[in-house]
Amino acid sequence: MLVRRRIKMRSDKRGAAHFEMIISFVFFITFIFFLFVVLKPYNTSTLSGAVILGMYDSFSEEVTTNLTNVFLKANYSDENSNPLPPGGCFYVELQNEIFAYALTESVVTDVNDLDVNSSIGDGAPTSNLNIDNDTEVFYKVAISPDFVDDGTTGCELVSNYVLGSLLEREVISYKALGAMTERYNDPAQYEALKAELRVPSVFDFAIITSDLSNVSMERLIPDSGDVVANDYILEVLHPNGTIINARFTLMVW
């Protein structure tokens, strides 16, 4: 009688163990189903969307430049407001410490947006902003490494000047976009550019804008397969100081 009870108890334990295995298996299958239905690891559009976000960050880093804008009021006179002799140009000493970005090249216009020859001389703790005009009082000054100085030198120092509020920001460089376009359209450099933009080797990409001439990074898109695209509106700086808002479409397939 005792032997029969032991056999029955062992049989009950084996049955409970099988039941627990079945329950565990059901939970495992449910979890896998959840992953496929909710997270959709098979969804290539989700992956491509993540690739585009990473590509946009890298694209911005590659083609971004800095820009400083400031309004200048300068009387062509010495520190005692005595008029200086006609010389055609003057310079003011800019304190480097008040600027977030380095004082590199300049583009200067008068209040009528007419270009004025200018240049910036390297210095510490000040940099000289040379302006080839002694007839105006108010000037719009833009400073960026994307500009080319006019080489204006040999000017008279003007201490009687006032700077307006500084506007310093990052913008997209038209020059950098042109250099990237050349690399994109060169078969020997395309793969290296794709790696720098963090686009996986299994994908291709394009950067399209209709607002800028000479900027076209397009290639044949296959009929089959998913294409994911995002639009961005960005400020683009031209070498002459002009800024425009341009729409960029980033595509991955």
Protein backbone atom coordinates (compact mmCIF):
# COMPACT_ATOMS: atom_id res chain seq x y z
CA MET A 1 0.00 0.00 0.00
CA LEU A 2 2.87 2.32 0.81
CA VAL A 3 4.57 1.58 -2.51
CA ARG A 4 1.43 2.53 -4.43
CA ARG A 5 1.18 5.87 -2.66
CA ARG A 6 4.82 6.69 -3.48
CA ILE A 7 4.28 5.86 -7.14
CA LYS A 8 1.19 8.07 -7.22
CA MET A 9 3.05 11.01 -5.60
CA ARG A 10 5.87 10.74 -8.14
CA SER A 11 3.32 10.67 -10.95
CA ASP A 12 1.66 13.84 -9.60
CA LYS A 13 5.03 15.65 -9.46
CA ARG A 14 5.82 14.72 -13.07
CA GLY A 15 2.40 15.98 -14.14
CA ALA A 16 2.92 19.32 -12.37
CA ALA A 17 6.34 19.74 -13.98
CA HIS A 18 4.86 19.15 -17.45
CA PHE A 19 2.14 21.70 -16.75
CA GLU A 20 4.74 24.30 -15.71
CA MET A 21 6.73 23.67 -18.91
CA ILE A 22 3.59 24.19 -21.00
CA ILE A 23 2.76 27.44 -19.19
CA SER A 24 6.36 28.69 -19.64
CA PHE A 25 6.26 27.83 -23.34
CA VAL A 26 2.97 29.73 -23.76
CA PHE A 27 4.45 32.79 -22.06
CA PHE A 28 7.53 32.60 -24.30
CA ILE A 29 5.46 32.39 -27.49
CA THR A 30 3.31 35.30 -26.29
CA PHE A 31 6.40 37.41 -25.66
CA ILE A 32 7.81 36.68 -29.12
CA PHE A 33 4.45 37.54 -30.67
CA PHE A 34 4.46 40.83 -28.74
CA LEU A 35 7.89 41.70 -30.14
CA PHE A 36 6.82 41.12 -33.72
CA VAL A 37 3.46 42.86 -33.44
CA VAL A 38 4.40 45.90 -31.32
CA LEU A 39 8.09 46.49 -31.95
CA LYS A 40 8.03 45.23 -35.57
CA PRO A 41 11.71 44.28 -35.93
CA TYR A 42 10.96 43.24 -39.50
CA ASN A 43 9.72 46.72 -40.45
CA THR A 44 12.41 48.19 -42.72
CA SER A 45 10.76 51.61 -42.81
CA THR A 46 11.35 52.02 -39.07
CA LEU A 47 15.01 51.14 -39.55
CA SER A 48 15.32 53.51 -42.52
CA GLY A 49 13.71 56.28 -40.48
CA ALA A 50 16.36 55.82 -37.79
CA VAL A 51 19.05 55.91 -40.50
CA ILE A 52 17.68 59.23 -41.81
CA LEU A 53 17.76 60.81 -38.36
CA GLY A 54 21.38 59.77 -37.91
CA MET A 55 22.22 60.96 -41.43
CA TYR A 56 20.66 64.37 -40.77
CA ASP A 57 22.78 64.87 -37.64
CA SER A 58 25.96 63.95 -39.54
CA PHE A 59 24.93 66.05 -42.56
CA SER A 60 24.44 69.10 -40.33
CA GLU A 61 27.85 68.62 -38.73
CA GLU A 62 29.54 68.35 -42.14
CA VAL A 63 28.06 71.49 -43.72
CA THR A 64 27.51 73.82 -40.75
CA THR A 65 29.44 77.07 -40.37
CA ASN A 66 29.20 79.91 -37.86
CA LEU A 67 27.86 83.40 -38.55
CA THR A 68 28.02 86.59 -36.48
CA ASN A 69 25.90 89.64 -37.29
CA VAL A 70 26.27 93.01 -35.57
CA PHE A 71 25.20 96.58 -36.27
CA LEU A 72 27.98 99.19 -36.15
CA LYS A 73 27.70 102.93 -35.67
CA ALA A 74 31.04 104.63 -36.32
CA ASN A 75 31.80 108.33 -36.74
CA TYR A 76 34.90 109.04 -38.82
CA SER A 77 36.56 110.94 -35.98
CA ASP A 78 39.07 110.40 -33.22
CA GLU A 79 38.33 109.70 -29.55
CA ASN A 80 37.68 113.42 -29.00
CA SER A 81 35.16 113.52 -31.90
CA ASN A 82 37.55 115.55 -34.02
CA PRO A 83 37.05 114.70 -37.73
CA LEU A 84 39.87 112.67 -39.19
CA PRO A 85 41.51 113.80 -42.43
CA PRO A 86 39.98 112.21 -45.53
CA GLY A 87 41.58 108.82 -45.87
CA GLY A 88 38.94 106.62 -47.43
CA CYS A 89 39.00 103.94 -44.73
CA PHE A 90 39.08 103.44 -40.99
CA TYR A 91 39.25 100.59 -38.49
CA VAL A 92 37.72 99.85 -35.10
CA GLU A 93 39.16 97.56 -32.44
CA LEU A 94 36.80 94.69 -31.62
CA GLN A 95 37.20 92.99 -28.26
CA ASN A 96 37.58 89.26 -28.99
CA GLU A 97 36.19 88.23 -25.60
CA ILE A 98 32.67 89.46 -26.38
CA PHE A 99 32.34 87.16 -29.39
CA ALA A 100 31.52 83.45 -29.13
CA TYR A 101 33.13 82.66 -32.49
CA ALA A 102 36.55 83.60 -33.80
CA LEU A 103 36.73 86.84 -35.79
CA THR A 104 37.64 85.57 -39.24
CA GLU A 105 36.48 87.13 -42.54
CA SER A 106 33.90 89.89 -42.94
CA VAL A 107 31.18 91.18 -45.23
CA VAL A 108 30.09 94.78 -44.58
CA THR A 109 27.21 96.75 -46.12
CA ASP A 110 25.75 100.16 -45.48
CA VAL A 111 22.14 100.78 -44.46
CA ASN A 112 21.14 100.57 -48.13
CA ASP A 113 22.70 97.08 -48.37
CA LEU A 114 25.46 98.33 -50.67
CA ASP A 115 28.71 96.40 -50.30
CA VAL A 116 31.64 98.08 -48.57
CA ASN A 117 35.19 96.69 -48.82
CA SER A 118 36.37 95.34 -45.48
CA SER A 119 38.75 92.99 -43.71
CA ILE A 120 39.54 91.75 -40.20
CA GLY A 121 43.07 91.62 -38.86
CA ASP A 122 43.99 88.87 -36.41
CA GLY A 123 44.92 90.05 -32.97
CA ALA A 124 44.64 89.55 -29.22
CA PRO A 125 42.92 90.76 -27.17
CA THR A 126 41.43 92.82 -30.03
CA SER A 127 40.96 92.36 -33.77
CA ASN A 128 40.85 95.26 -36.20
CA LEU A 129 37.80 95.57 -38.44
CA ASN A 130 38.85 97.65 -41.47
CA ILE A 131 36.12 99.43 -43.43
CA ASP A 132 36.85 101.21 -46.70
CA ASN A 133 34.30 104.00 -46.36
CA ASP A 134 34.43 107.33 -44.56
CA THR A 135 31.09 108.77 -45.66
CA GLU A 136 28.61 106.54 -43.81
CA VAL A 137 27.88 106.25 -40.10
CA PHE A 138 25.86 103.02 -39.86
CA TYR A 139 27.06 99.62 -41.10
CA LYS A 140 25.83 96.03 -41.11
CA VAL A 141 28.68 93.68 -40.28
CA ALA A 142 28.67 89.92 -40.92
CA ILE A 143 31.57 87.68 -39.87
CA SER A 144 32.10 84.08 -40.96
CA PRO A 145 34.94 81.80 -42.12
CA ASP A 146 32.93 81.30 -45.34
CA PHE A 147 33.64 84.86 -46.48
CA VAL A 148 36.66 86.23 -48.37
CA ASP A 149 38.17 89.48 -47.09
CA ASP A 150 38.84 92.34 -49.49
CA GLY A 151 42.31 92.96 -48.07
CA THR A 152 41.58 96.46 -46.82
CA THR A 153 44.51 97.77 -44.73
CA GLY A 154 46.33 100.99 -43.83
CA CYS A 155 43.28 102.66 -42.30
CA GLU A 156 42.85 105.26 -39.55
CA LEU A 157 41.84 104.19 -36.06
CA VAL A 158 38.34 105.30 -35.02
CA SER A 159 37.57 105.06 -31.30
CA ASN A 160 34.17 106.73 -31.51
CA TYR A 161 31.97 103.74 -32.32
CA VAL A 162 29.10 101.69 -30.88
CA LEU A 163 28.18 98.05 -31.48
CA GLY A 164 24.59 96.85 -31.50
CA SER A 165 23.37 93.53 -30.16
CA LEU A 166 25.27 90.45 -31.35
CA LEU A 167 23.47 87.72 -33.26
CA GLU A 168 25.61 84.57 -33.35
CA ARG A 169 24.37 81.26 -34.74
CA GLU A 170 25.17 78.23 -36.86
CA VAL A 171 23.94 78.07 -40.45
CA ILE A 172 24.44 75.82 -43.47
CA SER A 173 27.42 76.69 -45.65
CA TYR A 174 26.73 76.93 -49.39
CA LYS A 175 30.43 76.32 -50.02
CA ALA A 176 30.37 73.12 -47.96
CA LEU A 177 27.25 71.95 -49.80
CA GLY A 178 29.07 72.40 -53.10
CA ALA A 179 32.04 70.37 -51.86
CA MET A 180 29.70 67.61 -50.62
CA THR A 181 27.89 67.53 -53.98
CA GLU A 182 31.19 66.94 -55.78
CA ARG A 183 32.02 64.04 -53.47
CA TYR A 184 28.53 62.54 -53.83
CA ASN A 185 28.74 62.54 -57.63
CA ASP A 186 32.26 61.09 -57.65
CA PRO A 187 32.00 57.25 -57.65
CA ALA A 188 35.39 57.03 -55.97
CA GLN A 189 34.23 59.13 -52.99
CA TYR A 190 30.57 58.16 -52.65
CA GLU A 191 31.12 55.24 -50.26
CA ALA A 192 33.44 57.28 -48.04
CA LEU A 193 30.87 60.09 -47.88
CA LYS A 194 28.15 57.59 -47.04
CA ALA A 195 30.24 56.27 -44.14
CA GLU A 196 30.85 59.81 -42.84
CA LEU A 197 27.10 60.46 -42.90
CA ARG A 198 26.57 57.21 -40.95
CA VAL A 199 24.50 55.57 -43.67
CA PRO A 200 24.87 51.74 -43.46
CA SER A 201 26.47 50.12 -46.51
CA VAL A 202 23.26 48.23 -47.38
CA PHE A 203 21.42 51.54 -47.97
CA ASP A 204 21.71 54.30 -50.56
CA PHE A 205 20.79 57.93 -49.95
CA ALA A 206 20.01 61.23 -51.63
CA ILE A 207 19.89 64.89 -50.54
CA ILE A 208 17.65 67.01 -52.74
CA THR A 209 16.87 70.74 -52.82
CA SER A 210 15.29 72.85 -55.55
CA ASP A 211 16.21 76.14 -53.86
CA LEU A 212 19.95 76.04 -54.57
CA SER A 213 21.76 75.83 -57.87
CA ASN A 214 24.72 73.47 -58.16
CA VAL A 215 23.51 71.40 -55.21
CA SER A 216 22.16 68.07 -56.46
CA MET A 217 22.83 64.78 -54.71
CA GLU A 218 20.53 62.34 -56.47
CA ARG A 219 20.83 58.87 -57.98
CA LEU A 220 18.51 56.29 -59.52
CA ILE A 221 15.94 55.02 -57.03
CA PRO A 222 14.82 51.40 -57.71
CA ASP A 223 11.15 50.73 -58.39
CA SER A 224 11.04 47.99 -55.77
CA GLY A 225 11.75 48.55 -52.10
CA ASP A 226 10.80 51.16 -49.54
CA VAL A 227 11.94 54.76 -49.75
CA VAL A 228 11.87 56.86 -46.57
CA ALA A 229 12.19 60.66 -46.80
CA ASN A 230 12.20 63.61 -44.38
CA ASP A 231 12.01 67.35 -45.21
CA TYR A 232 13.97 70.07 -43.41
CA ILE A 233 13.97 73.86 -43.75
CA LEU A 234 17.47 75.24 -43.12
CA GLU A 235 19.24 78.61 -43.32
CA VAL A 236 21.94 78.61 -46.00
CA LEU A 237 24.75 81.18 -46.06
CA HIS A 238 26.24 82.27 -49.40
CA PRO A 239 29.84 83.58 -49.64
CA ASN A 240 28.55 87.12 -50.31
CA GLY A 241 26.68 87.17 -46.98
CA THR A 242 23.22 86.43 -48.40
CA ILE A 243 21.08 84.04 -46.34
CA ILE A 244 18.13 82.08 -47.71
CA ASN A 245 15.78 79.46 -46.29
CA ALA A 246 16.08 76.27 -48.33
CA ARG A 247 14.08 73.06 -48.19
CA PHE A 248 16.14 69.85 -48.10
CA THR A 249 14.72 66.37 -48.66
CA LEU A 250 16.82 63.55 -47.19
CA MET A 251 16.03 60.12 -48.64
CA VAL A 252 17.15 56.58 -47.77
CA TRP A 253 16.26 53.32 -49.54
